Structure formats: structure tokens, C-alpha cells
C-alpha atoms as a PDB file:
ATOM      1  CA  MET A   1     -10.339  55.600 -46.835  1.00  0.00           C
ATOM      2  CA  ILE A   2     -13.663  54.272 -48.106  1.00  0.00           C
ATOM      3  CA  PRO A   3     -13.565  53.225 -51.763  1.00  0.00           C
ATOM      4  CA  ALA A   4     -15.943  55.033 -54.104  1.00  0.00           C
ATOM      5  CA  ASP A   5     -18.930  52.840 -54.830  1.00  0.00           C
ATOM      6  CA  LYS A   6     -21.946  53.971 -56.838  1.00  0.00           C
ATOM      7  CA  THR A   7     -24.261  51.753 -54.788  1.00  0.00           C
ATOM      8  CA  THR A   8     -23.263  53.202 -51.408  1.00  0.00           C
ATOM      9  CA  PRO A   9     -25.759  55.928 -50.476  1.00  0.00           C
ATOM     10  CA  LEU A  10     -24.607  59.070 -48.730  1.00  0.00           C
ATOM     11  CA  SER A  11     -25.759  59.714 -45.210  1.00  0.00           C
ATOM     12  CA  PRO A  12     -28.190  62.645 -44.812  1.00  0.00           C
ATOM     13  CA  GLN A  13     -25.408  64.641 -43.150  1.00  0.00           C
ATOM     14  CA  HIS A  14     -23.056  64.048 -46.099  1.00  0.00           C
ATOM     15  CA  GLN A  15     -25.817  64.821 -48.604  1.00  0.00           C
ATOM     16  CA  LYS A  16     -26.400  68.183 -46.897  1.00  0.00           C
ATOM     17  CA  ALA A  17     -22.660  68.918 -46.919  1.00  0.00           C
ATOM     18  CA  LEU A  18     -22.453  68.037 -50.604  1.00  0.00           C
ATOM     19  CA  GLN A  19     -25.420  70.276 -51.409  1.00  0.00           C
ATOM     20  CA  ARG A  20     -23.858  73.194 -49.490  1.00  0.00           C
ATOM     21  CA  ALA A  21     -20.551  72.691 -51.284  1.00  0.00           C
ATOM     22  CA  PHE A  22     -22.330  72.648 -54.637  1.00  0.00           C
ATOM     23  CA  VAL A  23     -24.158  75.898 -53.874  1.00  0.00           C
ATOM     24  CA  VAL A  24     -20.988  77.606 -52.662  1.00  0.00           C
ATOM     25  CA  LEU A  25     -18.956  76.483 -55.671  1.00  0.00           C
ATOM     26  CA  GLU A  26     -21.641  77.368 -58.204  1.00  0.00           C
ATOM     27  CA  ASN A  27     -22.389  80.796 -56.695  1.00  0.00           C
ATOM     28  CA  PRO A  28     -19.123  82.587 -55.972  1.00  0.00           C
ATOM     29  CA  ARG A  29     -19.472  85.310 -53.406  1.00  0.00           C
ATOM     30  CA  PHE A  30     -18.141  88.808 -53.667  1.00  0.00           C
ATOM     31  CA  ALA A  31     -14.828  87.895 -52.013  1.00  0.00           C
ATOM     32  CA  ALA A  32     -14.206  85.123 -54.539  1.00  0.00           C
ATOM     33  CA  ARG A  33     -15.024  87.411 -57.465  1.00  0.00           C
ATOM     34  CA  LEU A  34     -12.778  90.105 -56.011  1.00  0.00           C
ATOM     35  CA  ALA A  35      -9.931  87.602 -55.559  1.00  0.00           C
ATOM     36  CA  GLU A  36     -10.369  86.496 -59.166  1.00  0.00           C
ATOM     37  CA  TYR A  37     -10.192  90.102 -60.343  1.00  0.00           C
ATOM     38  CA  ALA A  38      -7.186  90.865 -58.132  1.00  0.00           C
ATOM     39  CA  GLY A  39      -5.344  87.795 -59.421  1.00  0.00           C
ATOM     40  CA  GLN A  40      -5.409  88.948 -63.040  1.00  0.00           C
ATOM     41  CA  PRO A  41      -2.177  91.011 -62.772  1.00  0.00           C
ATOM     42  CA  VAL A  42      -0.417  88.032 -61.189  1.00  0.00           C
ATOM     43  CA  ARG A  43      -1.487  85.820 -64.079  1.00  0.00           C
ATOM     44  CA  ARG A  44      -0.085  88.381 -66.517  1.00  0.00           C
ATOM     45  CA  VAL A  45       3.257  88.405 -64.701  1.00  0.00           C
ATOM     46  CA  LEU A  46       3.340  84.602 -64.632  1.00  0.00           C
ATOM     47  CA  ARG A  47       2.743  84.488 -68.386  1.00  0.00           C
ATOM     48  CA  MET A  48       5.822  86.692 -68.876  1.00  0.00           C
ATOM     49  CA  LEU A  49       8.086  84.330 -66.912  1.00  0.00           C
ATOM     50  CA  PRO A  50      10.198  81.792 -68.783  1.00  0.00           C
ATOM     51  CA  ASN A  51       8.657  78.315 -68.831  1.00  0.00           C
ATOM     52  CA  ALA A  52      11.323  76.883 -66.504  1.00  0.00           C
ATOM     53  CA  ALA A  53      10.736  79.568 -63.852  1.00  0.00           C
ATOM     54  CA  ASN A  54       6.971  79.181 -64.180  1.00  0.00           C
ATOM     55  CA  ALA A  55       7.228  75.408 -63.764  1.00  0.00           C
ATOM     56  CA  GLN A  56       9.466  75.793 -60.709  1.00  0.00           C
ATOM     57  CA  LEU A  57       7.075  78.325 -59.135  1.00  0.00           C
ATOM     58  CA  ASN A  58       4.130  75.999 -59.815  1.00  0.00           C
ATOM     59  CA  GLY A  59       6.004  73.180 -58.107  1.00  0.00           C
ATOM     60  CA  VAL A  60       6.690  75.296 -55.025  1.00  0.00           C
ATOM     61  CA  VAL A  61       3.068  76.428 -54.798  1.00  0.00           C
ATOM     62  CA  GLU A  62       1.769  72.881 -55.289  1.00  0.00           C
ATOM     63  CA  SER A  63       4.096  71.574 -52.592  1.00  0.00           C
ATOM     64  CA  ALA A  64       2.954  74.274 -50.137  1.00  0.00           C
ATOM     65  CA  VAL A  65      -0.719  73.577 -50.822  1.00  0.00           C
ATOM     66  CA  LEU A  66      -0.227  69.836 -50.351  1.00  0.00           C
ATOM     67  CA  ARG A  67       1.608  70.391 -47.062  1.00  0.00           C
ATOM     68  CA  CYS A  68      -1.210  72.611 -45.814  1.00  0.00           C
ATOM     69  CA  LEU A  69      -3.720  69.974 -46.862  1.00  0.00           C
ATOM     70  CA  ARG A  70      -1.800  67.253 -44.993  1.00  0.00           C
ATOM     71  CA  VAL A  71      -1.716  69.406 -41.855  1.00  0.00           C
ATOM     72  CA  ALA A  72      -5.453  70.038 -42.110  1.00  0.00           C
ATOM     73  CA  ILE A  73      -6.250  66.358 -42.693  1.00  0.00           C
ATOM     74  CA  ASN A  74      -3.965  65.203 -39.886  1.00  0.00           C
ATOM     75  CA  SER A  75      -5.642  67.619 -37.467  1.00  0.00           C
ATOM     76  CA  ILE A  76      -8.911  65.699 -37.814  1.00  0.00           C
ATOM     77  CA  GLU A  77      -9.347  62.573 -35.735  1.00  0.00           C
ATOM     78  CA  PRO A  78     -11.945  60.348 -37.466  1.00  0.00           C
ATOM     79  CA  ALA A  79     -13.336  58.763 -34.279  1.00  0.00           C
ATOM     80  CA  SER A  80     -13.186  61.917 -32.189  1.00  0.00           C
ATOM     81  CA  GLN A  81     -16.343  63.611 -30.978  1.00  0.00           C
ATOM     82  CA  ARG A  82     -14.581  66.933 -30.491  1.00  0.00           C
ATOM     83  CA  ARG A  83     -14.479  69.664 -33.069  1.00  0.00           C
ATOM     84  CA  PRO A  84     -11.482  69.695 -35.453  1.00  0.00           C
ATOM     85  CA  GLU A  85      -8.535  71.889 -34.527  1.00  0.00           C
ATOM     86  CA  ALA A  86      -9.011  75.362 -35.952  1.00  0.00           C
ATOM     87  CA  LEU A  87      -5.888  77.255 -34.903  1.00  0.00           C
ATOM     88  CA  VAL A  88      -3.298  75.726 -37.264  1.00  0.00           C
ATOM     89  CA  PRO A  89      -5.547  75.607 -40.360  1.00  0.00           C
ATOM     90  CA  THR A  90      -6.712  79.169 -39.672  1.00  0.00           C
ATOM     91  CA  PHE A  91      -3.110  80.329 -39.392  1.00  0.00           C
ATOM     92  CA  LEU A  92      -2.164  78.562 -42.629  1.00  0.00           C
ATOM     93  CA  VAL A  93      -5.121  80.069 -44.485  1.00  0.00           C
ATOM     94  CA  GLY A  94      -4.149  83.522 -43.234  1.00  0.00           C
ATOM     95  CA  LEU A  95      -0.563  82.939 -44.270  1.00  0.00           C
ATOM     96  CA  SER A  96      -1.553  81.796 -47.769  1.00  0.00           C
ATOM     97  CA  GLY A  97      -3.837  84.825 -48.098  1.00  0.00           C
ATOM     98  CA  GLY A  98      -1.015  87.114 -47.054  1.00  0.00           C
ATOM     99  CA  VAL A  99       1.368  85.575 -49.588  1.00  0.00           C
ATOM    100  CA  SER A 100      -1.287  85.873 -52.296  1.00  0.00           C
ATOM    101  CA  GLY A 101      -1.903  89.479 -51.319  1.00  0.00           C
ATOM    102  CA  LEU A 102       1.811  90.222 -51.470  1.00  0.00           C
ATOM    103  CA  PHE A 103       1.995  88.950 -55.046  1.00  0.00           C
ATOM    104  CA  GLY A 104      -1.059  91.043 -55.895  1.00  0.00           C
ATOM    105  CA  VAL A 105       0.465  94.191 -54.422  1.00  0.00           C
ATOM    106  CA  VAL A 106       3.794  93.580 -56.165  1.00  0.00           C
ATOM    107  CA  ALA A 107       2.095  92.957 -59.509  1.00  0.00           C
ATOM    108  CA  LEU A 108      -0.328  95.889 -59.209  1.00  0.00           C
ATOM    109  CA  PRO A 109       2.051  98.488 -60.740  1.00  0.00           C
ATOM    110  CA  LEU A 110       2.479  96.224 -63.755  1.00  0.00           C
ATOM    111  CA  ASN A 111      -1.237  96.487 -64.393  1.00  0.00           C
ATOM    112  CA  TYR A 112      -0.939 100.233 -64.968  1.00  0.00           C
ATOM    113  CA  HIS A 113       2.333 100.157 -66.886  1.00  0.00           C
END
């Protein structure tokens, strides 16, 4: 890992990537806004949980996200000229979306209660 240094300039490729990331993060698309809206019932349910259960659930989610991140990072070979592996990360993203959707569907009736 390269240490952060304010005097080290970014390569043009990294500058472009940083600019794209900034634009994407500052201008959420429809899907992101829809996901935010759909997640509101889940947040309500989580607020009703006891603190201990909420903390345990947060720990499980954090652990799963970190595992997915490790898999994604380990699938990239720094010196390789080939494209990064897409199958495993794509599967994990689909799986996390499915789990998120399941919580949304389960919590949906609570929104109308």
C-alpha cells in the first residue's frame, strides 16, 4: 500500500477515476434514490429493535461487507494486465442486493400498519 502523501501527484488515469467517483457520489441516480426510499421501512424496524439486537445485527452486516470487500480486493492482481475477475464480485453484489430486497419486502407491511 502506498502511504498518503500530499506532495505525490495523481496520475491522469487516477485523476479521471477520482473525478468520475466524485460525480457519481454527488449526483445519485434514480436507482440510488429509489434504494434510499425503499430502505426507510427497514430503518424504522431497526429503530424498534432493542439496542443489543441492533448492535449484533450491525456487527453481522459489517462482517459480511468486510468479507465481500476482501474477496473483491484479493481478486485484483496489482501487476496483472488482465481485467479483474468479475464473476465472484458480481455474484456477491447480487446476493447483497437480494438480502437487502428481502428485508425491504419483509418490512413493507410495517410501513402501512
